[in-house]
Amino acid sequence: MSYDDERTGKRRDLGQVAIEYLGFIPVLILVALAGVQIGLIAYTAQQAGTAARAGARAASLQESAQTGCQNAISGFLADGTNCGEAYGDDAVTVTATVDIPSIVPGWDFGTAQKTATMPLDH
C-alpha cells in the first residue's frame, strides 16, 4: 500500500522494511545453523581427545579401552564412539574415533579422531 505524502510530495511505500526483513530471515537462519554446526564439530573433536585419554588410562590398567572411552564423553556422542588400542613394550596407544553429529539431516561431517598414549601399569 502506498500514498503520497502531502507535505513533501514524495511517495512512501508502507511495509517495505518488513518485506526486506522477511527476505533476509533465511540468510540469518543459515548463518546461525552454520555457527552451531561449527561449534558442534569443535566440541566433538574435544570429546574425542577426552575419550582417547580415558581409554588409554583404562587400557594401561588392564581394563577395557572401549568402556573407558564411552564412559568419559557426553552420552549423545558415546554411541558413535569407537576406540582401538595398540600395545607396545611398555605403553598402550588408544585411538578414539567419534562420529560428528549433524544438525542438518543428510549432511555428513565424518569423524573426529584423536590418539593418546599411556605407560602400562605393571
N, C-alpha and C. Protein backbone atom coordinates (compact mmCIF):
# COMPACT_ATOMS: atom_id res chain seq x y z
N MET A 1 0.84 -1.16 0.00
CA MET A 1 0.00 0.00 0.00
C MET A 1 0.89 1.23 0.00
N SER A 2 0.59 2.21 -0.81
CA SER A 2 1.38 3.43 -0.86
C SER A 2 0.46 4.63 -0.95
N TYR A 3 0.99 5.76 -0.58
CA TYR A 3 0.25 7.00 -0.70
C TYR A 3 1.22 8.15 -0.90
N ASP A 4 0.70 9.28 -1.30
CA ASP A 4 1.54 10.47 -1.49
C ASP A 4 1.56 11.27 -0.20
N ASP A 5 2.77 11.65 0.23
CA ASP A 5 2.90 12.50 1.41
C ASP A 5 2.58 13.92 0.97
N GLU A 6 1.54 14.50 1.54
CA GLU A 6 1.07 15.82 1.11
C GLU A 6 2.09 16.92 1.39
N ARG A 7 2.90 16.75 2.45
CA ARG A 7 3.84 17.81 2.79
C ARG A 7 5.06 17.82 1.88
N THR A 8 5.60 16.66 1.53
CA THR A 8 6.83 16.62 0.74
C THR A 8 6.60 16.26 -0.71
N GLY A 9 5.47 15.72 -1.01
CA GLY A 9 5.18 15.34 -2.37
C GLY A 9 5.85 14.02 -2.77
N LYS A 10 6.49 13.34 -1.80
CA LYS A 10 7.15 12.07 -2.10
C LYS A 10 6.20 10.91 -1.86
N ARG A 11 6.36 9.91 -2.63
CA ARG A 11 5.54 8.72 -2.47
C ARG A 11 6.22 7.80 -1.46
N ARG A 12 5.47 7.26 -0.50
CA ARG A 12 6.02 6.37 0.51
C ARG A 12 5.41 4.99 0.37
N ASP A 13 6.25 3.99 0.53
CA ASP A 13 5.77 2.60 0.50
C ASP A 13 5.71 2.08 1.93
N LEU A 14 4.54 1.73 2.34
CA LEU A 14 4.37 1.17 3.67
C LEU A 14 4.70 -0.32 3.65
N GLY A 15 5.41 -0.77 4.65
CA GLY A 15 5.73 -2.18 4.78
C GLY A 15 6.96 -2.64 4.03
N GLN A 16 7.67 -1.74 3.39
CA GLN A 16 8.85 -2.13 2.62
C GLN A 16 9.92 -2.73 3.52
N VAL A 17 10.14 -2.14 4.68
CA VAL A 17 11.15 -2.65 5.60
C VAL A 17 10.79 -4.05 6.09
N ALA A 18 9.53 -4.27 6.37
CA ALA A 18 9.09 -5.59 6.83
C ALA A 18 9.33 -6.65 5.75
N ILE A 19 9.07 -6.32 4.52
CA ILE A 19 9.29 -7.28 3.43
C ILE A 19 10.78 -7.57 3.27
N GLU A 20 11.60 -6.53 3.35
CA GLU A 20 13.05 -6.74 3.24
C GLU A 20 13.57 -7.60 4.39
N TYR A 21 13.05 -7.38 5.58
CA TYR A 21 13.44 -8.17 6.74
C TYR A 21 13.05 -9.63 6.55
N LEU A 22 11.85 -9.88 6.07
CA LEU A 22 11.41 -11.26 5.82
C LEU A 22 12.28 -11.95 4.78
N GLY A 23 12.75 -11.22 3.81
CA GLY A 23 13.63 -11.81 2.81
C GLY A 23 15.00 -12.13 3.35
N PHE A 24 15.41 -11.46 4.41
CA PHE A 24 16.73 -11.67 4.99
C PHE A 24 16.74 -12.77 6.06
N ILE A 25 15.58 -13.16 6.56
CA ILE A 25 15.50 -14.18 7.62
C ILE A 25 16.14 -15.51 7.21
N PRO A 26 15.93 -16.04 6.01
CA PRO A 26 16.59 -17.30 5.65
C PRO A 26 18.11 -17.21 5.71
N VAL A 27 18.67 -16.08 5.36
CA VAL A 27 20.13 -15.91 5.44
C VAL A 27 20.58 -15.95 6.90
N LEU A 28 19.84 -15.29 7.78
CA LEU A 28 20.17 -15.30 9.21
C LEU A 28 20.09 -16.71 9.79
N ILE A 29 19.07 -17.46 9.38
CA ILE A 29 18.93 -18.83 9.88
C ILE A 29 20.08 -19.70 9.39
N LEU A 30 20.47 -19.55 8.15
CA LEU A 30 21.58 -20.32 7.60
C LEU A 30 22.89 -20.01 8.33
N VAL A 31 23.15 -18.75 8.61
CA VAL A 31 24.36 -18.35 9.34
C VAL A 31 24.33 -18.92 10.76
N ALA A 32 23.18 -18.89 11.41
CA ALA A 32 23.05 -19.43 12.76
C ALA A 32 23.29 -20.95 12.76
N LEU A 33 22.71 -21.66 11.81
CA LEU A 33 22.92 -23.11 11.73
C LEU A 33 24.40 -23.45 11.48
N ALA A 34 25.05 -22.68 10.62
CA ALA A 34 26.47 -22.91 10.35
C ALA A 34 27.29 -22.68 11.61
N GLY A 35 26.97 -21.65 12.38
CA GLY A 35 27.69 -21.39 13.63
C GLY A 35 27.51 -22.50 14.64
N VAL A 36 26.29 -23.00 14.78
CA VAL A 36 26.03 -24.10 15.71
C VAL A 36 26.77 -25.37 15.25
N GLN A 37 26.76 -25.64 13.95
CA GLN A 37 27.43 -26.83 13.44
C GLN A 37 28.94 -26.76 13.66
N ILE A 38 29.54 -25.60 13.45
CA ILE A 38 30.98 -25.44 13.69
C ILE A 38 31.30 -25.67 15.16
N GLY A 39 30.45 -25.15 16.04
CA GLY A 39 30.64 -25.39 17.46
C GLY A 39 30.52 -26.86 17.82
N LEU A 40 29.59 -27.56 17.20
CA LEU A 40 29.41 -28.99 17.45
C LEU A 40 30.60 -29.80 16.95
N ILE A 41 31.18 -29.40 15.83
CA ILE A 41 32.38 -30.08 15.32
C ILE A 41 33.54 -29.89 16.29
N ALA A 42 33.73 -28.67 16.79
CA ALA A 42 34.82 -28.41 17.75
C ALA A 42 34.60 -29.18 19.04
N TYR A 43 33.37 -29.22 19.52
CA TYR A 43 33.06 -29.96 20.75
C TYR A 43 33.32 -31.45 20.57
N THR A 44 32.96 -31.99 19.43
CA THR A 44 33.19 -33.41 19.16
C THR A 44 34.68 -33.72 19.12
N ALA A 45 35.48 -32.84 18.54
CA ALA A 45 36.93 -33.05 18.50
C ALA A 45 37.51 -33.02 19.91
N GLN A 46 37.02 -32.12 20.75
CA GLN A 46 37.49 -32.06 22.14
C GLN A 46 37.09 -33.34 22.88
N GLN A 47 35.88 -33.82 22.65
CA GLN A 47 35.42 -35.04 23.30
C GLN A 47 36.20 -36.27 22.82
N ALA A 48 36.62 -36.28 21.57
CA ALA A 48 37.44 -37.39 21.06
C ALA A 48 38.78 -37.43 21.80
N GLY A 49 39.38 -36.28 22.08
CA GLY A 49 40.61 -36.24 22.86
C GLY A 49 40.41 -36.77 24.26
N THR A 50 39.30 -36.38 24.88
CA THR A 50 38.98 -36.88 26.22
C THR A 50 38.78 -38.39 26.20
N ALA A 51 38.09 -38.90 25.18
CA ALA A 51 37.85 -40.34 25.06
C ALA A 51 39.17 -41.09 24.88
N ALA A 52 40.07 -40.57 24.06
CA ALA A 52 41.35 -41.24 23.82
C ALA A 52 42.17 -41.30 25.11
N ARG A 53 42.22 -40.22 25.86
CA ARG A 53 42.98 -40.23 27.13
C ARG A 53 42.37 -41.19 28.13
N ALA A 54 41.04 -41.17 28.26
CA ALA A 54 40.38 -42.07 29.21
C ALA A 54 40.53 -43.52 28.79
N GLY A 55 40.43 -43.79 27.50
CA GLY A 55 40.61 -45.17 27.02
C GLY A 55 42.03 -45.65 27.23
N ALA A 56 43.02 -44.78 27.01
CA ALA A 56 44.42 -45.16 27.23
C ALA A 56 44.68 -45.41 28.72
N ARG A 57 44.09 -44.58 29.57
CA ARG A 57 44.24 -44.78 31.01
C ARG A 57 43.64 -46.11 31.43
N ALA A 58 42.45 -46.43 30.91
CA ALA A 58 41.80 -47.70 31.25
C ALA A 58 42.62 -48.88 30.73
N ALA A 59 43.10 -48.78 29.49
CA ALA A 59 43.88 -49.89 28.91
C ALA A 59 45.20 -50.08 29.66
N SER A 60 45.81 -49.00 30.16
CA SER A 60 47.06 -49.12 30.90
C SER A 60 46.85 -49.83 32.23
N LEU A 61 45.62 -49.84 32.72
CA LEU A 61 45.28 -50.53 33.97
C LEU A 61 44.66 -51.91 33.70
N GLN A 62 44.83 -52.40 32.47
CA GLN A 62 44.31 -53.72 32.05
C GLN A 62 42.79 -53.77 32.07
N GLU A 63 42.13 -52.64 31.77
CA GLU A 63 40.67 -52.59 31.68
C GLU A 63 40.29 -52.34 30.22
N SER A 64 39.02 -52.33 29.93
CA SER A 64 38.54 -52.15 28.55
C SER A 64 38.71 -50.69 28.10
N ALA A 65 39.45 -50.50 27.02
CA ALA A 65 39.62 -49.16 26.47
C ALA A 65 38.30 -48.62 25.93
N GLN A 66 37.51 -49.48 25.30
CA GLN A 66 36.22 -49.06 24.73
C GLN A 66 35.30 -48.54 25.82
N THR A 67 35.22 -49.24 26.93
CA THR A 67 34.36 -48.80 28.04
C THR A 67 34.87 -47.49 28.62
N GLY A 68 36.19 -47.38 28.78
CA GLY A 68 36.77 -46.13 29.28
C GLY A 68 36.47 -44.95 28.37
N CYS A 69 36.55 -45.18 27.06
CA CYS A 69 36.25 -44.13 26.09
C CYS A 69 34.80 -43.67 26.20
N GLN A 70 33.89 -44.62 26.17
CA GLN A 70 32.47 -44.29 26.16
C GLN A 70 32.00 -43.66 27.46
N ASN A 71 32.59 -44.06 28.58
CA ASN A 71 32.18 -43.50 29.86
C ASN A 71 32.69 -42.08 30.08
N ALA A 72 33.69 -41.66 29.33
CA ALA A 72 34.32 -40.36 29.56
C ALA A 72 33.68 -39.22 28.79
N ILE A 73 32.82 -39.53 27.82
CA ILE A 73 32.29 -38.45 26.97
C ILE A 73 30.78 -38.32 27.11
N SER A 74 30.25 -37.28 26.50
CA SER A 74 28.81 -37.00 26.56
C SER A 74 28.00 -38.17 26.02
N GLY A 75 26.86 -38.40 26.63
CA GLY A 75 26.02 -39.53 26.26
C GLY A 75 25.59 -39.55 24.81
N PHE A 76 25.28 -38.39 24.23
CA PHE A 76 24.81 -38.38 22.85
C PHE A 76 25.93 -38.67 21.85
N LEU A 77 27.19 -38.60 22.28
CA LEU A 77 28.32 -38.94 21.41
C LEU A 77 28.84 -40.35 21.66
N ALA A 78 28.52 -40.93 22.81
CA ALA A 78 29.09 -42.22 23.22
C ALA A 78 28.73 -43.36 22.26
N ASP A 79 27.52 -43.34 21.72
CA ASP A 79 27.10 -44.44 20.83
C ASP A 79 27.88 -44.46 19.53
N GLY A 80 28.36 -43.31 19.08
CA GLY A 80 29.12 -43.24 17.84
C GLY A 80 30.61 -43.22 18.06
N THR A 81 31.05 -43.80 19.19
CA THR A 81 32.47 -43.78 19.55
C THR A 81 33.08 -45.17 19.41
N ASN A 82 34.26 -45.22 18.79
CA ASN A 82 34.98 -46.47 18.65
C ASN A 82 36.43 -46.22 19.07
N CYS A 83 36.94 -47.08 19.94
CA CYS A 83 38.32 -46.93 20.42
C CYS A 83 39.12 -48.19 20.09
N GLY A 84 40.22 -47.98 19.43
CA GLY A 84 41.13 -49.09 19.12
C GLY A 84 42.41 -48.93 19.94
N GLU A 85 42.96 -50.02 20.37
CA GLU A 85 44.15 -49.97 21.20
C GLU A 85 45.30 -50.75 20.56
N ALA A 86 46.51 -50.25 20.78
CA ALA A 86 47.71 -50.91 20.29
C ALA A 86 48.73 -50.92 21.41
N TYR A 87 49.18 -52.13 21.76
CA TYR A 87 50.13 -52.27 22.86
C TYR A 87 51.55 -52.31 22.34
N GLY A 88 52.42 -51.58 23.03
CA GLY A 88 53.84 -51.61 22.74
C GLY A 88 54.56 -52.33 23.88
N ASP A 89 55.88 -52.16 23.97
CA ASP A 89 56.65 -52.82 25.02
C ASP A 89 56.27 -52.34 26.42
N ASP A 90 56.12 -51.04 26.57
CA ASP A 90 55.82 -50.52 27.90
C ASP A 90 54.73 -49.45 27.89
N ALA A 91 53.97 -49.37 26.80
CA ALA A 91 52.92 -48.36 26.69
C ALA A 91 51.77 -48.88 25.83
N VAL A 92 50.64 -48.23 25.96
CA VAL A 92 49.47 -48.54 25.15
C VAL A 92 49.03 -47.25 24.47
N THR A 93 48.67 -47.37 23.20
CA THR A 93 48.17 -46.23 22.43
C THR A 93 46.73 -46.52 22.05
N VAL A 94 45.86 -45.57 22.36
CA VAL A 94 44.44 -45.71 22.05
C VAL A 94 44.04 -44.60 21.09
N THR A 95 43.35 -44.98 20.03
CA THR A 95 42.82 -44.03 19.06
C THR A 95 41.30 -44.03 19.17
N ALA A 96 40.75 -42.86 19.50
CA ALA A 96 39.30 -42.71 19.63
C ALA A 96 38.76 -42.06 18.36
N THR A 97 37.73 -42.66 17.81
CA THR A 97 37.06 -42.13 16.63
C THR A 97 35.61 -41.86 17.01
N VAL A 98 35.19 -40.60 16.89
CA VAL A 98 33.84 -40.19 17.30
C VAL A 98 33.12 -39.62 16.08
N ASP A 99 31.91 -40.12 15.82
CA ASP A 99 31.09 -39.60 14.72
C ASP A 99 30.65 -38.18 15.05
N ILE A 100 30.81 -37.28 14.09
CA ILE A 100 30.38 -35.89 14.26
C ILE A 100 28.90 -35.80 13.92
N PRO A 101 28.06 -35.42 14.89
CA PRO A 101 26.63 -35.31 14.59
C PRO A 101 26.35 -34.09 13.70
N SER A 102 25.28 -34.18 12.95
CA SER A 102 24.88 -33.10 12.06
C SER A 102 23.53 -32.57 12.48
N ILE A 103 23.37 -31.24 12.52
CA ILE A 103 22.07 -30.68 12.85
C ILE A 103 21.19 -30.57 11.62
N VAL A 104 21.77 -30.75 10.44
CA VAL A 104 21.01 -30.74 9.19
C VAL A 104 20.95 -32.18 8.68
N PRO A 105 19.77 -32.77 8.62
CA PRO A 105 19.67 -34.15 8.16
C PRO A 105 20.24 -34.32 6.75
N GLY A 106 20.99 -35.40 6.58
CA GLY A 106 21.55 -35.71 5.26
C GLY A 106 22.97 -35.22 5.06
N TRP A 107 23.43 -34.31 5.89
CA TRP A 107 24.81 -33.83 5.77
C TRP A 107 25.70 -34.70 6.64
N ASP A 108 26.84 -35.11 6.10
CA ASP A 108 27.78 -35.97 6.83
C ASP A 108 29.10 -35.22 7.00
N PHE A 109 29.52 -35.05 8.24
CA PHE A 109 30.76 -34.34 8.53
C PHE A 109 31.89 -35.30 8.92
N GLY A 110 31.65 -36.61 8.81
CA GLY A 110 32.69 -37.58 9.07
C GLY A 110 32.91 -37.83 10.55
N THR A 111 34.18 -38.01 10.92
CA THR A 111 34.52 -38.35 12.29
C THR A 111 35.63 -37.45 12.80
N ALA A 112 35.73 -37.39 14.11
CA ALA A 112 36.86 -36.73 14.78
C ALA A 112 37.72 -37.85 15.37
N GLN A 113 39.02 -37.78 15.16
CA GLN A 113 39.90 -38.86 15.60
C GLN A 113 41.07 -38.26 16.40
N LYS A 114 41.29 -38.81 17.60
CA LYS A 114 42.39 -38.38 18.46
C LYS A 114 43.09 -39.60 19.03
N THR A 115 44.37 -39.45 19.33
CA THR A 115 45.18 -40.55 19.84
C THR A 115 45.85 -40.13 21.15
N ALA A 116 45.96 -41.09 22.07
CA ALA A 116 46.64 -40.85 23.35
C ALA A 116 47.46 -42.09 23.71
N THR A 117 48.60 -41.87 24.34
CA THR A 117 49.48 -42.96 24.76
C THR A 117 49.72 -42.86 26.27
N MET A 118 49.64 -44.00 26.95
CA MET A 118 49.88 -44.05 28.40
C MET A 118 50.83 -45.21 28.68
N PRO A 119 51.69 -45.05 29.71
CA PRO A 119 52.56 -46.16 30.09
C PRO A 119 51.75 -47.27 30.74
N LEU A 120 52.17 -48.51 30.52
CA LEU A 120 51.48 -49.65 31.13
C LEU A 120 51.78 -49.70 32.62
N ASP A 121 50.75 -50.03 33.39
CA ASP A 121 50.89 -50.18 34.84
C ASP A 121 51.18 -51.65 35.11
N HIS A 122 52.40 -51.93 35.53
CA HIS A 122 52.78 -53.34 35.74
C HIS A 122 52.49 -53.78 37.12
